[in-house]
Amino acid sequence: MAGVLGGIYNSIVKRNAVFLTTIFAGAFATNIIFNIGADSVWDQINKGRQWKDIKQRYMGDQEEEDE
């Protein structure tokens, strides 16, 4: 266990620039993953009630009237 922690310390934490880069990259990845997950849950809960779900019903009628 000490060898693994020592390896992590020497490769990531020992140098400040690498440590900060790792933190910012992790925060960025976490943000993207959380947003994708939250959007997926929101779309499942509100399926059929959002504009992207009913747009074709209303826009399709307008296209037929224009012709």
PDB file of N, CA and C in Angstrom:
ATOM      1  N   MET A   1       0.821  -1.190   0.000  1.00  0.00           N
ATOM      2  CA  MET A   1       0.000   0.000   0.000  1.00  0.00           C
ATOM      3  C   MET A   1       0.866   1.256   0.000  1.00  0.00           C
ATOM      4  N   ALA A   2       1.936   1.239   0.770  1.00  0.00           N
ATOM      5  CA  ALA A   2       2.817   2.404   0.833  1.00  0.00           C
ATOM      6  C   ALA A   2       3.496   2.646  -0.510  1.00  0.00           C
ATOM      7  N   GLY A   3       3.784   1.577  -1.234  1.00  0.00           N
ATOM      8  CA  GLY A   3       4.405   1.730  -2.550  1.00  0.00           C
ATOM      9  C   GLY A   3       3.477   2.393  -3.554  1.00  0.00           C
ATOM     10  N   VAL A   4       2.202   2.041  -3.486  1.00  0.00           N
ATOM     11  CA  VAL A   4       1.217   2.636  -4.384  1.00  0.00           C
ATOM     12  C   VAL A   4       1.043   4.114  -4.060  1.00  0.00           C
ATOM     13  N   LEU A   5       0.898   4.421  -2.786  1.00  0.00           N
ATOM     14  CA  LEU A   5       0.741   5.821  -2.384  1.00  0.00           C
ATOM     15  C   LEU A   5       1.985   6.634  -2.698  1.00  0.00           C
ATOM     16  N   GLY A   6       3.152   6.033  -2.516  1.00  0.00           N
ATOM     17  CA  GLY A   6       4.394   6.726  -2.860  1.00  0.00           C
ATOM     18  C   GLY A   6       4.487   7.000  -4.348  1.00  0.00           C
ATOM     19  N   GLY A   7       4.040   6.059  -5.157  1.00  0.00           N
ATOM     20  CA  GLY A   7       4.029   6.262  -6.609  1.00  0.00           C
ATOM     21  C   GLY A   7       3.083   7.368  -7.023  1.00  0.00           C
ATOM     22  N   ILE A   8       1.908   7.399  -6.413  1.00  0.00           N
ATOM     23  CA  ILE A   8       0.952   8.476  -6.704  1.00  0.00           C
ATOM     24  C   ILE A   8       1.519   9.821  -6.278  1.00  0.00           C
ATOM     25  N   TYR A   9       2.120   9.852  -5.109  1.00  0.00           N
ATOM     26  CA  TYR A   9       2.706  11.100  -4.625  1.00  0.00           C
ATOM     27  C   TYR A   9       3.802  11.582  -5.568  1.00  0.00           C
ATOM     28  N   ASN A  10       4.697  10.691  -5.960  1.00  0.00           N
ATOM     29  CA  ASN A  10       5.815  11.088  -6.818  1.00  0.00           C
ATOM     30  C   ASN A  10       5.365  11.488  -8.221  1.00  0.00           C
ATOM     31  N   SER A  11       4.297  10.889  -8.727  1.00  0.00           N
ATOM     32  CA  SER A  11       3.893  11.192 -10.096  1.00  0.00           C
ATOM     33  C   SER A  11       2.895  12.345 -10.204  1.00  0.00           C
ATOM     34  N   ILE A  12       2.094  12.591  -9.172  1.00  0.00           N
ATOM     35  CA  ILE A  12       1.041  13.613  -9.281  1.00  0.00           C
ATOM     36  C   ILE A  12       1.208  14.750  -8.285  1.00  0.00           C
ATOM     37  N   VAL A  13       1.351  14.444  -7.019  1.00  0.00           N
ATOM     38  CA  VAL A  13       1.252  15.453  -5.968  1.00  0.00           C
ATOM     39  C   VAL A  13       2.555  16.213  -5.762  1.00  0.00           C
ATOM     40  N   LYS A  14       3.666  15.613  -6.073  1.00  0.00           N
ATOM     41  CA  LYS A  14       4.956  16.219  -5.753  1.00  0.00           C
ATOM     42  C   LYS A  14       5.180  17.537  -6.500  1.00  0.00           C
ATOM     43  N   ARG A  15       4.754  17.592  -7.751  1.00  0.00           N
ATOM     44  CA  ARG A  15       4.916  18.816  -8.540  1.00  0.00           C
ATOM     45  C   ARG A  15       3.589  19.568  -8.598  1.00  0.00           C
ATOM     46  N   ASN A  16       3.614  20.835  -8.228  1.00  0.00           N
ATOM     47  CA  ASN A  16       2.402  21.634  -8.105  1.00  0.00           C
ATOM     48  C   ASN A  16       1.678  21.782  -9.438  1.00  0.00           C
ATOM     49  N   ALA A  17       2.395  21.984 -10.527  1.00  0.00           N
ATOM     50  CA  ALA A  17       1.754  22.178 -11.827  1.00  0.00           C
ATOM     51  C   ALA A  17       0.993  20.924 -12.255  1.00  0.00           C
ATOM     52  N   VAL A  18       1.572  19.774 -12.034  1.00  0.00           N
ATOM     53  CA  VAL A  18       0.906  18.520 -12.393  1.00  0.00           C
ATOM     54  C   VAL A  18      -0.300  18.294 -11.486  1.00  0.00           C
ATOM     55  N   PHE A  19      -0.160  18.601 -10.221  1.00  0.00           N
ATOM     56  CA  PHE A  19      -1.254  18.434  -9.264  1.00  0.00           C
ATOM     57  C   PHE A  19      -2.442  19.323  -9.640  1.00  0.00           C
ATOM     58  N   LEU A  20      -2.179  20.596  -9.940  1.00  0.00           N
ATOM     59  CA  LEU A  20      -3.255  21.508 -10.317  1.00  0.00           C
ATOM     60  C   LEU A  20      -3.892  21.106 -11.641  1.00  0.00           C
ATOM     61  N   THR A  21      -3.085  20.668 -12.585  1.00  0.00           N
ATOM     62  CA  THR A  21      -3.625  20.210 -13.861  1.00  0.00           C
ATOM     63  C   THR A  21      -4.539  19.008 -13.663  1.00  0.00           C
ATOM     64  N   THR A  22      -4.133  18.092 -12.795  1.00  0.00           N
ATOM     65  CA  THR A  22      -4.957  16.918 -12.501  1.00  0.00           C
ATOM     66  C   THR A  22      -6.275  17.322 -11.852  1.00  0.00           C
ATOM     67  N   ILE A  23      -6.229  18.270 -10.938  1.00  0.00           N
ATOM     68  CA  ILE A  23      -7.449  18.725 -10.266  1.00  0.00           C
ATOM     69  C   ILE A  23      -8.390  19.401 -11.256  1.00  0.00           C
ATOM     70  N   PHE A  24      -7.859  20.297 -12.099  1.00  0.00           N
ATOM     71  CA  PHE A  24      -8.708  20.986 -13.073  1.00  0.00           C
ATOM     72  C   PHE A  24      -9.275  20.023 -14.107  1.00  0.00           C
ATOM     73  N   ALA A  25      -8.485  19.072 -14.570  1.00  0.00           N
ATOM     74  CA  ALA A  25      -8.979  18.081 -15.531  1.00  0.00           C
ATOM     75  C   ALA A  25     -10.056  17.206 -14.894  1.00  0.00           C
ATOM     76  N   GLY A  26      -9.861  16.830 -13.643  1.00  0.00           N
ATOM     77  CA  GLY A  26     -10.870  16.040 -12.943  1.00  0.00           C
ATOM     78  C   GLY A  26     -12.160  16.810 -12.733  1.00  0.00           C
ATOM     79  N   ALA A  27     -12.042  18.084 -12.391  1.00  0.00           N
ATOM     80  CA  ALA A  27     -13.237  18.914 -12.202  1.00  0.00           C
ATOM     81  C   ALA A  27     -13.979  19.098 -13.521  1.00  0.00           C
ATOM     82  N   PHE A  28     -13.245  19.303 -14.602  1.00  0.00           N
ATOM     83  CA  PHE A  28     -13.854  19.462 -15.920  1.00  0.00           C
ATOM     84  C   PHE A  28     -14.583  18.187 -16.338  1.00  0.00           C
ATOM     85  N   ALA A  29     -13.937  17.041 -16.156  1.00  0.00           N
ATOM     86  CA  ALA A  29     -14.552  15.760 -16.514  1.00  0.00           C
ATOM     87  C   ALA A  29     -15.779  15.482 -15.645  1.00  0.00           C
ATOM     88  N   THR A  30     -15.688  15.782 -14.363  1.00  0.00           N
ATOM     89  CA  THR A  30     -16.824  15.581 -13.463  1.00  0.00           C
ATOM     90  C   THR A  30     -17.999  16.461 -13.874  1.00  0.00           C
ATOM     91  N   ASN A  31     -17.722  17.691 -14.261  1.00  0.00           N
ATOM     92  CA  ASN A  31     -18.764  18.608 -14.708  1.00  0.00           C
ATOM     93  C   ASN A  31     -19.476  18.064 -15.943  1.00  0.00           C
ATOM     94  N   ILE A  32     -18.722  17.590 -16.906  1.00  0.00           N
ATOM     95  CA  ILE A  32     -19.317  17.056 -18.130  1.00  0.00           C
ATOM     96  C   ILE A  32     -20.159  15.820 -17.819  1.00  0.00           C
ATOM     97  N   ILE A  33     -19.617  14.910 -17.024  1.00  0.00           N
ATOM     98  CA  ILE A  33     -20.342  13.679 -16.688  1.00  0.00           C
ATOM     99  C   ILE A  33     -21.617  13.991 -15.912  1.00  0.00           C
ATOM    100  N   PHE A  34     -21.547  14.919 -14.965  1.00  0.00           N
ATOM    101  CA  PHE A  34     -22.732  15.288 -14.188  1.00  0.00           C
ATOM    102  C   PHE A  34     -23.796  15.918 -15.081  1.00  0.00           C
ATOM    103  N   ASN A  35     -23.391  16.811 -15.997  1.00  0.00           N
ATOM    104  CA  ASN A  35     -24.355  17.454 -16.888  1.00  0.00           C
ATOM    105  C   ASN A  35     -25.031  16.451 -17.811  1.00  0.00           C
ATOM    106  N   ILE A  36     -24.269  15.514 -18.345  1.00  0.00           N
ATOM    107  CA  ILE A  36     -24.855  14.492 -19.213  1.00  0.00           C
ATOM    108  C   ILE A  36     -25.845  13.638 -18.421  1.00  0.00           C
ATOM    109  N   GLY A  37     -25.468  13.249 -17.216  1.00  0.00           N
ATOM    110  CA  GLY A  37     -26.361  12.444 -16.380  1.00  0.00           C
ATOM    111  C   GLY A  37     -27.618  13.193 -15.985  1.00  0.00           C
ATOM    112  N   ALA A  38     -27.480  14.447 -15.593  1.00  0.00           N
ATOM    113  CA  ALA A  38     -28.642  15.241 -15.189  1.00  0.00           C
ATOM    114  C   ALA A  38     -29.578  15.473 -16.374  1.00  0.00           C
ATOM    115  N   ASP A  39     -29.026  15.759 -17.549  1.00  0.00           N
ATOM    116  CA  ASP A  39     -29.859  15.935 -18.739  1.00  0.00           C
ATOM    117  C   ASP A  39     -30.593  14.649 -19.100  1.00  0.00           C
ATOM    118  N   SER A  40     -29.925  13.532 -18.948  1.00  0.00           N
ATOM    119  CA  SER A  40     -30.549  12.244 -19.243  1.00  0.00           C
ATOM    120  C   SER A  40     -31.716  11.966 -18.297  1.00  0.00           C
ATOM    121  N   VAL A  41     -31.517  12.212 -17.013  1.00  0.00           N
ATOM    122  CA  VAL A  41     -32.595  12.016 -16.037  1.00  0.00           C
ATOM    123  C   VAL A  41     -33.751  12.966 -16.329  1.00  0.00           C
ATOM    124  N   TRP A  42     -33.454  14.222 -16.625  1.00  0.00           N
ATOM    125  CA  TRP A  42     -34.486  15.220 -16.923  1.00  0.00           C
ATOM    126  C   TRP A  42     -35.285  14.811 -18.158  1.00  0.00           C
ATOM    127  N   ASP A  43     -34.598  14.332 -19.197  1.00  0.00           N
ATOM    128  CA  ASP A  43     -35.286  13.908 -20.412  1.00  0.00           C
ATOM    129  C   ASP A  43     -36.174  12.695 -20.163  1.00  0.00           C
ATOM    130  N   GLN A  44     -35.738  11.779 -19.315  1.00  0.00           N
ATOM    131  CA  GLN A  44     -36.560  10.607 -19.003  1.00  0.00           C
ATOM    132  C   GLN A  44     -37.806  10.993 -18.210  1.00  0.00           C
ATOM    133  N   ILE A  45     -37.663  11.905 -17.265  1.00  0.00           N
ATOM    134  CA  ILE A  45     -38.803  12.325 -16.444  1.00  0.00           C
ATOM    135  C   ILE A  45     -39.815  13.102 -17.282  1.00  0.00           C
ATOM    136  N   ASN A  46     -39.338  13.953 -18.185  1.00  0.00           N
ATOM    137  CA  ASN A  46     -40.209  14.835 -18.965  1.00  0.00           C
ATOM    138  C   ASN A  46     -40.387  14.373 -20.407  1.00  0.00           C
ATOM    139  N   LYS A  47     -40.300  13.090 -20.647  1.00  0.00           N
ATOM    140  CA  LYS A  47     -40.431  12.551 -21.998  1.00  0.00           C
ATOM    141  C   LYS A  47     -41.828  12.844 -22.540  1.00  0.00           C
ATOM    142  N   GLY A  48     -41.881  13.418 -23.746  1.00  0.00           N
ATOM    143  CA  GLY A  48     -43.155  13.742 -24.375  1.00  0.00           C
ATOM    144  C   GLY A  48     -43.697  15.102 -24.023  1.00  0.00           C
ATOM    145  N   ARG A  49     -43.065  15.818 -23.133  1.00  0.00           N
ATOM    146  CA  ARG A  49     -43.541  17.137 -22.708  1.00  0.00           C
ATOM    147  C   ARG A  49     -42.615  18.260 -23.140  1.00  0.00           C
ATOM    148  N   GLN A  50     -41.512  17.934 -23.744  1.00  0.00           N
ATOM    149  CA  GLN A  50     -40.542  18.958 -24.124  1.00  0.00           C
ATOM    150  C   GLN A  50     -40.735  19.344 -25.588  1.00  0.00           C
ATOM    151  N   TRP A  51     -40.251  20.543 -25.920  1.00  0.00           N
ATOM    152  CA  TRP A  51     -40.401  21.047 -27.274  1.00  0.00           C
ATOM    153  C   TRP A  51     -39.753  20.121 -28.290  1.00  0.00           C
ATOM    154  N   LYS A  52     -38.626  19.541 -27.951  1.00  0.00           N
ATOM    155  CA  LYS A  52     -37.958  18.655 -28.907  1.00  0.00           C
ATOM    156  C   LYS A  52     -38.783  17.398 -29.185  1.00  0.00           C
ATOM    157  N   ASP A  53     -39.683  17.033 -28.277  1.00  0.00           N
ATOM    158  CA  ASP A  53     -40.534  15.864 -28.477  1.00  0.00           C
ATOM    159  C   ASP A  53     -41.794  16.184 -29.281  1.00  0.00           C
ATOM    160  N   ILE A  54     -42.323  17.395 -29.149  1.00  0.00           N
ATOM    161  CA  ILE A  54     -43.585  17.738 -29.809  1.00  0.00           C
ATOM    162  C   ILE A  54     -43.396  18.690 -30.984  1.00  0.00           C
ATOM    163  N   LYS A  55     -42.186  19.083 -31.270  1.00  0.00           N
ATOM    164  CA  LYS A  55     -41.902  20.046 -32.333  1.00  0.00           C
ATOM    165  C   LYS A  55     -42.397  19.551 -33.686  1.00  0.00           C
ATOM    166  N   GLN A  56     -42.180  18.292 -33.987  1.00  0.00           N
ATOM    167  CA  GLN A  56     -42.553  17.760 -35.292  1.00  0.00           C
ATOM    168  C   GLN A  56     -44.070  17.826 -35.506  1.00  0.00           C
ATOM    169  N   ARG A  57     -44.825  17.670 -34.442  1.00  0.00           N
ATOM    170  CA  ARG A  57     -46.284  17.729 -34.542  1.00  0.00           C
ATOM    171  C   ARG A  57     -46.745  19.108 -35.015  1.00  0.00           C
ATOM    172  N   TYR A  58     -46.115  20.168 -34.513  1.00  0.00           N
ATOM    173  CA  TYR A  58     -46.520  21.523 -34.863  1.00  0.00           C
ATOM    174  C   TYR A  58     -45.813  22.040 -36.109  1.00  0.00           C
ATOM    175  N   MET A  59     -44.552  21.735 -36.259  1.00  0.00           N
ATOM    176  CA  MET A  59     -43.802  22.210 -37.413  1.00  0.00           C
ATOM    177  C   MET A  59     -44.212  21.457 -38.679  1.00  0.00           C
ATOM    178  N   GLY A  60     -44.599  20.214 -38.561  1.00  0.00           N
ATOM    179  CA  GLY A  60     -45.046  19.440 -39.713  1.00  0.00           C
ATOM    180  C   GLY A  60     -46.325  20.012 -40.304  1.00  0.00           C
ATOM    181  N   ASP A  61     -47.237  20.515 -39.471  1.00  0.00           N
ATOM    182  CA  ASP A  61     -48.475  21.117 -39.949  1.00  0.00           C
ATOM    183  C   ASP A  61     -48.198  22.400 -40.712  1.00  0.00           C
ATOM    184  N   GLN A  62     -47.255  23.201 -40.281  1.00  0.00           N
ATOM    185  CA  GLN A  62     -46.922  24.452 -40.955  1.00  0.00           C
ATOM    186  C   GLN A  62     -46.293  24.198 -42.314  1.00  0.00           C
ATOM    187  N   GLU A  63     -45.463  23.185 -42.428  1.00  0.00           N
ATOM    188  CA  GLU A  63     -44.808  22.896 -43.693  1.00  0.00           C
ATOM    189  C   GLU A  63     -45.830  22.469 -44.741  1.00  0.00           C
ATOM    190  N   GLU A  64     -46.857  21.724 -44.361  1.00  0.00           N
ATOM    191  CA  GLU A  64     -47.885  21.301 -45.300  1.00  0.00           C
ATOM    192  C   GLU A  64     -48.730  22.489 -45.755  1.00  0.00           C
ATOM    193  N   GLU A  65     -49.000  23.467 -44.884  1.00  0.00           N
ATOM    194  CA  GLU A  65     -49.778  24.643 -45.237  1.00  0.00           C
ATOM    195  C   GLU A  65     -49.010  25.552 -46.180  1.00  0.00           C
ATOM    196  N   ASP A  66     -47.681  25.623 -46.047  1.00  0.00           N
ATOM    197  CA  ASP A  66     -46.860  26.481 -46.884  1.00  0.00           C
ATOM    198  C   ASP A  66     -46.821  25.994 -48.328  1.00  0.00           C
ATOM    199  N   GLU A  67     -46.969  24.723 -48.559  1.00  0.00           N
ATOM    200  CA  GLU A  67     -46.883  24.172 -49.914  1.00  0.00           C
ATOM    201  C   GLU A  67     -48.161  24.399 -50.613  1.00  0.00           C
TER     202      GLU A  67
END
